[in-house]
Amino acid sequence: MCKAIEDYGLKQRQEGIKEGIVESIKKFIKKGKLSHEEIAENFDISVEEVRRLAAQAI
């Protein structure tokens, strides 16, 4: 039971980190100072993912 709770907590933390990264990427997109390619390179994600997030941020 304890292992299950630890695993759940780890999953929650990982999701929280991912949400924080996504919000940071959206802020960079809104500022418009970096290209989608530069954002993708800096956050180590695909350009397609940056474009998807850009569409959501509008």
PDB file of N, CA and C in Angstrom:
ATOM      1  N   MET A   1       0.822  -1.190   0.000  1.00  0.00           N
ATOM      2  CA  MET A   1       0.000   0.000   0.000  1.00  0.00           C
ATOM      3  C   MET A   1       0.872   1.263   0.000  1.00  0.00           C
ATOM      4  N   CYS A   2       1.917   1.274   0.792  1.00  0.00           N
ATOM      5  CA  CYS A   2       2.792   2.445   0.878  1.00  0.00           C
ATOM      6  C   CYS A   2       3.448   2.731  -0.476  1.00  0.00           C
ATOM      7  N   LYS A   3       3.858   1.695  -1.183  1.00  0.00           N
ATOM      8  CA  LYS A   3       4.471   1.860  -2.503  1.00  0.00           C
ATOM      9  C   LYS A   3       3.485   2.500  -3.470  1.00  0.00           C
ATOM     10  N   ALA A   4       2.238   2.101  -3.413  1.00  0.00           N
ATOM     11  CA  ALA A   4       1.208   2.672  -4.290  1.00  0.00           C
ATOM     12  C   ALA A   4       1.037   4.158  -4.022  1.00  0.00           C
ATOM     13  N   ILE A   5       1.063   4.540  -2.754  1.00  0.00           N
ATOM     14  CA  ILE A   5       0.920   5.952  -2.393  1.00  0.00           C
ATOM     15  C   ILE A   5       2.136   6.736  -2.875  1.00  0.00           C
ATOM     16  N   GLU A   6       3.328   6.186  -2.717  1.00  0.00           N
ATOM     17  CA  GLU A   6       4.545   6.841  -3.194  1.00  0.00           C
ATOM     18  C   GLU A   6       4.499   7.014  -4.706  1.00  0.00           C
ATOM     19  N   ASP A   7       4.067   5.979  -5.419  1.00  0.00           N
ATOM     20  CA  ASP A   7       3.973   6.050  -6.874  1.00  0.00           C
ATOM     21  C   ASP A   7       2.975   7.122  -7.300  1.00  0.00           C
ATOM     22  N   TYR A   8       1.853   7.191  -6.594  1.00  0.00           N
ATOM     23  CA  TYR A   8       0.841   8.198  -6.895  1.00  0.00           C
ATOM     24  C   TYR A   8       1.411   9.598  -6.672  1.00  0.00           C
ATOM     25  N   GLY A   9       2.121   9.795  -5.579  1.00  0.00           N
ATOM     26  CA  GLY A   9       2.729  11.088  -5.282  1.00  0.00           C
ATOM     27  C   GLY A   9       3.747  11.487  -6.327  1.00  0.00           C
ATOM     28  N   LEU A  10       4.540  10.529  -6.777  1.00  0.00           N
ATOM     29  CA  LEU A  10       5.530  10.799  -7.817  1.00  0.00           C
ATOM     30  C   LEU A  10       4.841  11.196  -9.109  1.00  0.00           C
ATOM     31  N   LYS A  11       3.785  10.497  -9.451  1.00  0.00           N
ATOM     32  CA  LYS A  11       3.049  10.805 -10.679  1.00  0.00           C
ATOM     33  C   LYS A  11       2.462  12.216 -10.599  1.00  0.00           C
ATOM     34  N   GLN A  12       1.931  12.574  -9.451  1.00  0.00           N
ATOM     35  CA  GLN A  12       1.354  13.902  -9.267  1.00  0.00           C
ATOM     36  C   GLN A  12       2.424  14.986  -9.421  1.00  0.00           C
ATOM     37  N   ARG A  13       3.588  14.754  -8.847  1.00  0.00           N
ATOM     38  CA  ARG A  13       4.685  15.720  -8.968  1.00  0.00           C
ATOM     39  C   ARG A  13       5.129  15.869 -10.408  1.00  0.00           C
ATOM     40  N   GLN A  14       5.249  14.762 -11.117  1.00  0.00           N
ATOM     41  CA  GLN A  14       5.654  14.802 -12.519  1.00  0.00           C
ATOM     42  C   GLN A  14       4.638  15.570 -13.354  1.00  0.00           C
ATOM     43  N   GLU A  15       3.355  15.359 -13.091  1.00  0.00           N
ATOM     44  CA  GLU A  15       2.316  16.085 -13.814  1.00  0.00           C
ATOM     45  C   GLU A  15       2.380  17.573 -13.496  1.00  0.00           C
ATOM     46  N   GLY A  16       2.666  17.907 -12.254  1.00  0.00           N
ATOM     47  CA  GLY A  16       2.794  19.306 -11.855  1.00  0.00           C
ATOM     48  C   GLY A  16       3.967  19.979 -12.547  1.00  0.00           C
ATOM     49  N   ILE A  17       5.071  19.272 -12.644  1.00  0.00           N
ATOM     50  CA  ILE A  17       6.246  19.803 -13.337  1.00  0.00           C
ATOM     51  C   ILE A  17       5.922  20.030 -14.805  1.00  0.00           C
ATOM     52  N   LYS A  18       5.263  19.056 -15.418  1.00  0.00           N
ATOM     53  CA  LYS A  18       4.901  19.181 -16.831  1.00  0.00           C
ATOM     54  C   LYS A  18       3.977  20.380 -17.043  1.00  0.00           C
ATOM     55  N   GLU A  19       2.999  20.557 -16.153  1.00  0.00           N
ATOM     56  CA  GLU A  19       2.090  21.696 -16.266  1.00  0.00           C
ATOM     57  C   GLU A  19       2.853  23.011 -16.153  1.00  0.00           C
ATOM     58  N   GLY A  20       3.835  23.066 -15.268  1.00  0.00           N
ATOM     59  CA  GLY A  20       4.640  24.271 -15.119  1.00  0.00           C
ATOM     60  C   GLY A  20       5.445  24.578 -16.367  1.00  0.00           C
ATOM     61  N   ILE A  21       5.982  23.551 -16.980  1.00  0.00           N
ATOM     62  CA  ILE A  21       6.750  23.733 -18.215  1.00  0.00           C
ATOM     63  C   ILE A  21       5.834  24.229 -19.323  1.00  0.00           C
ATOM     64  N   VAL A  22       4.661  23.632 -19.435  1.00  0.00           N
ATOM     65  CA  VAL A  22       3.701  24.042 -20.461  1.00  0.00           C
ATOM     66  C   VAL A  22       3.323  25.515 -20.270  1.00  0.00           C
ATOM     67  N   GLU A  23       3.079  25.923 -19.041  1.00  0.00           N
ATOM     68  CA  GLU A  23       2.735  27.321 -18.779  1.00  0.00           C
ATOM     69  C   GLU A  23       3.903  28.247 -19.134  1.00  0.00           C
ATOM     70  N   SER A  24       5.117  27.828 -18.866  1.00  0.00           N
ATOM     71  CA  SER A  24       6.293  28.628 -19.227  1.00  0.00           C
ATOM     72  C   SER A  24       6.399  28.766 -20.738  1.00  0.00           C
ATOM     73  N   ILE A  25       6.180  27.678 -21.444  1.00  0.00           N
ATOM     74  CA  ILE A  25       6.234  27.715 -22.912  1.00  0.00           C
ATOM     75  C   ILE A  25       5.171  28.669 -23.445  1.00  0.00           C
ATOM     76  N   LYS A  26       3.969  28.614 -22.894  1.00  0.00           N
ATOM     77  CA  LYS A  26       2.901  29.506 -23.343  1.00  0.00           C
ATOM     78  C   LYS A  26       3.273  30.970 -23.112  1.00  0.00           C
ATOM     79  N   LYS A  27       3.945  31.260 -22.005  1.00  0.00           N
ATOM     80  CA  LYS A  27       4.377  32.631 -21.739  1.00  0.00           C
ATOM     81  C   LYS A  27       5.401  33.092 -22.772  1.00  0.00           C
ATOM     82  N   PHE A  28       6.332  32.213 -23.124  1.00  0.00           N
ATOM     83  CA  PHE A  28       7.316  32.555 -24.145  1.00  0.00           C
ATOM     84  C   PHE A  28       6.631  32.803 -25.483  1.00  0.00           C
ATOM     85  N   ILE A  29       5.659  31.990 -25.805  1.00  0.00           N
ATOM     86  CA  ILE A  29       4.924  32.154 -27.058  1.00  0.00           C
ATOM     87  C   ILE A  29       4.223  33.508 -27.077  1.00  0.00           C
ATOM     88  N   LYS A  30       3.542  33.855 -25.989  1.00  0.00           N
ATOM     89  CA  LYS A  30       2.806  35.111 -25.929  1.00  0.00           C
ATOM     90  C   LYS A  30       3.719  36.321 -26.039  1.00  0.00           C
ATOM     91  N   LYS A  31       4.930  36.227 -25.467  1.00  0.00           N
ATOM     92  CA  LYS A  31       5.869  37.342 -25.556  1.00  0.00           C
ATOM     93  C   LYS A  31       6.360  37.540 -26.985  1.00  0.00           C
ATOM     94  N   GLY A  32       6.422  36.453 -27.758  1.00  0.00           N
ATOM     95  CA  GLY A  32       6.784  36.549 -29.167  1.00  0.00           C
ATOM     96  C   GLY A  32       8.232  36.913 -29.441  1.00  0.00           C
ATOM     97  N   LYS A  33       9.094  36.776 -28.462  1.00  0.00           N
ATOM     98  CA  LYS A  33      10.497  37.149 -28.655  1.00  0.00           C
ATOM     99  C   LYS A  33      11.329  36.015 -29.226  1.00  0.00           C
ATOM    100  N   LEU A  34      10.850  34.777 -29.090  1.00  0.00           N
ATOM    101  CA  LEU A  34      11.573  33.621 -29.616  1.00  0.00           C
ATOM    102  C   LEU A  34      10.721  32.928 -30.666  1.00  0.00           C
ATOM    103  N   SER A  35      11.372  32.333 -31.632  1.00  0.00           N
ATOM    104  CA  SER A  35      10.651  31.559 -32.639  1.00  0.00           C
ATOM    105  C   SER A  35      10.205  30.237 -32.027  1.00  0.00           C
ATOM    106  N   HIS A  36       9.274  29.595 -32.699  1.00  0.00           N
ATOM    107  CA  HIS A  36       8.826  28.278 -32.229  1.00  0.00           C
ATOM    108  C   HIS A  36       9.990  27.297 -32.193  1.00  0.00           C
ATOM    109  N   GLU A  37      10.885  27.424 -33.150  1.00  0.00           N
ATOM    110  CA  GLU A  37      12.049  26.542 -33.199  1.00  0.00           C
ATOM    111  C   GLU A  37      12.967  26.763 -32.000  1.00  0.00           C
ATOM    112  N   GLU A  38      13.163  28.029 -31.632  1.00  0.00           N
ATOM    113  CA  GLU A  38      14.015  28.338 -30.477  1.00  0.00           C
ATOM    114  C   GLU A  38      13.384  27.843 -29.176  1.00  0.00           C
ATOM    115  N   ILE A  39      12.090  28.014 -29.055  1.00  0.00           N
ATOM    116  CA  ILE A  39      11.394  27.527 -27.858  1.00  0.00           C
ATOM    117  C   ILE A  39      11.519  26.012 -27.773  1.00  0.00           C
ATOM    118  N   ALA A  40      11.274  25.332 -28.888  1.00  0.00           N
ATOM    119  CA  ALA A  40      11.370  23.868 -28.919  1.00  0.00           C
ATOM    120  C   ALA A  40      12.762  23.409 -28.515  1.00  0.00           C
ATOM    121  N   GLU A  41      13.775  24.073 -29.026  1.00  0.00           N
ATOM    122  CA  GLU A  41      15.150  23.696 -28.705  1.00  0.00           C
ATOM    123  C   GLU A  41      15.456  23.903 -27.224  1.00  0.00           C
ATOM    124  N   ASN A  42      15.014  25.029 -26.678  1.00  0.00           N
ATOM    125  CA  ASN A  42      15.301  25.340 -25.277  1.00  0.00           C
ATOM    126  C   ASN A  42      14.571  24.439 -24.299  1.00  0.00           C
ATOM    127  N   PHE A  43      13.369  23.977 -24.668  1.00  0.00           N
ATOM    128  CA  PHE A  43      12.599  23.120 -23.775  1.00  0.00           C
ATOM    129  C   PHE A  43      12.673  21.654 -24.168  1.00  0.00           C
ATOM    130  N   ASP A  44      13.454  21.355 -25.183  1.00  0.00           N
ATOM    131  CA  ASP A  44      13.668  19.980 -25.643  1.00  0.00           C
ATOM    132  C   ASP A  44      12.348  19.278 -25.977  1.00  0.00           C
ATOM    133  N   ILE A  45      11.515  19.989 -26.766  1.00  0.00           N
ATOM    134  CA  ILE A  45      10.278  19.400 -27.271  1.00  0.00           C
ATOM    135  C   ILE A  45      10.218  19.645 -28.770  1.00  0.00           C
ATOM    136  N   SER A  46       9.258  19.049 -29.428  1.00  0.00           N
ATOM    137  CA  SER A  46       9.159  19.204 -30.877  1.00  0.00           C
ATOM    138  C   SER A  46       8.539  20.559 -31.231  1.00  0.00           C
ATOM    139  N   VAL A  47       8.867  21.023 -32.431  1.00  0.00           N
ATOM    140  CA  VAL A  47       8.286  22.264 -32.936  1.00  0.00           C
ATOM    141  C   VAL A  47       6.772  22.096 -33.076  1.00  0.00           C
ATOM    142  N   GLU A  48       6.347  20.903 -33.456  1.00  0.00           N
ATOM    143  CA  GLU A  48       4.910  20.641 -33.592  1.00  0.00           C
ATOM    144  C   GLU A  48       4.189  20.834 -32.253  1.00  0.00           C
ATOM    145  N   GLU A  49       4.832  20.401 -31.171  1.00  0.00           N
ATOM    146  CA  GLU A  49       4.236  20.568 -29.841  1.00  0.00           C
ATOM    147  C   GLU A  49       4.152  22.047 -29.486  1.00  0.00           C
ATOM    148  N   VAL A  50       5.172  22.823 -29.833  1.00  0.00           N
ATOM    149  CA  VAL A  50       5.143  24.266 -29.578  1.00  0.00           C
ATOM    150  C   VAL A  50       3.998  24.893 -30.377  1.00  0.00           C
ATOM    151  N   ARG A  51       3.834  24.492 -31.613  1.00  0.00           N
ATOM    152  CA  ARG A  51       2.748  25.039 -32.440  1.00  0.00           C
ATOM    153  C   ARG A  51       1.382  24.678 -31.863  1.00  0.00           C
ATOM    154  N   ARG A  52       1.258  23.464 -31.340  1.00  0.00           N
ATOM    155  CA  ARG A  52       0.005  23.041 -30.727  1.00  0.00           C
ATOM    156  C   ARG A  52      -0.300  23.914 -29.500  1.00  0.00           C
ATOM    157  N   LEU A  53       0.726  24.162 -28.698  1.00  0.00           N
ATOM    158  CA  LEU A  53       0.545  25.002 -27.520  1.00  0.00           C
ATOM    159  C   LEU A  53       0.252  26.446 -27.916  1.00  0.00           C
ATOM    160  N   ALA A  54       0.869  26.903 -29.004  1.00  0.00           N
ATOM    161  CA  ALA A  54       0.621  28.261 -29.490  1.00  0.00           C
ATOM    162  C   ALA A  54      -0.840  28.411 -29.899  1.00  0.00           C
ATOM    163  N   ALA A  55      -1.393  27.399 -30.523  1.00  0.00           N
ATOM    164  CA  ALA A  55      -2.787  27.445 -30.924  1.00  0.00           C
ATOM    165  C   ALA A  55      -3.702  27.516 -29.698  1.00  0.00           C
ATOM    166  N   GLN A  56      -3.312  26.874 -28.622  1.00  0.00           N
ATOM    167  CA  GLN A  56      -4.103  26.892 -27.384  1.00  0.00           C
ATOM    168  C   GLN A  56      -3.969  28.238 -26.668  1.00  0.00           C
ATOM    169  N   ALA A  57      -2.808  28.861 -26.807  1.00  0.00           N
ATOM    170  CA  ALA A  57      -2.520  30.094 -26.073  1.00  0.00           C
ATOM    171  C   ALA A  57      -3.244  31.305 -26.648  1.00  0.00           C
ATOM    172  N   ILE A  58      -3.706  31.184 -27.852  1.00  0.00           N
ATOM    173  CA  ILE A  58      -4.360  32.325 -28.521  1.00  0.00           C
ATOM    174  C   ILE A  58      -5.777  32.481 -28.055  1.00  0.00           C
TER     175      ILE A  58
END
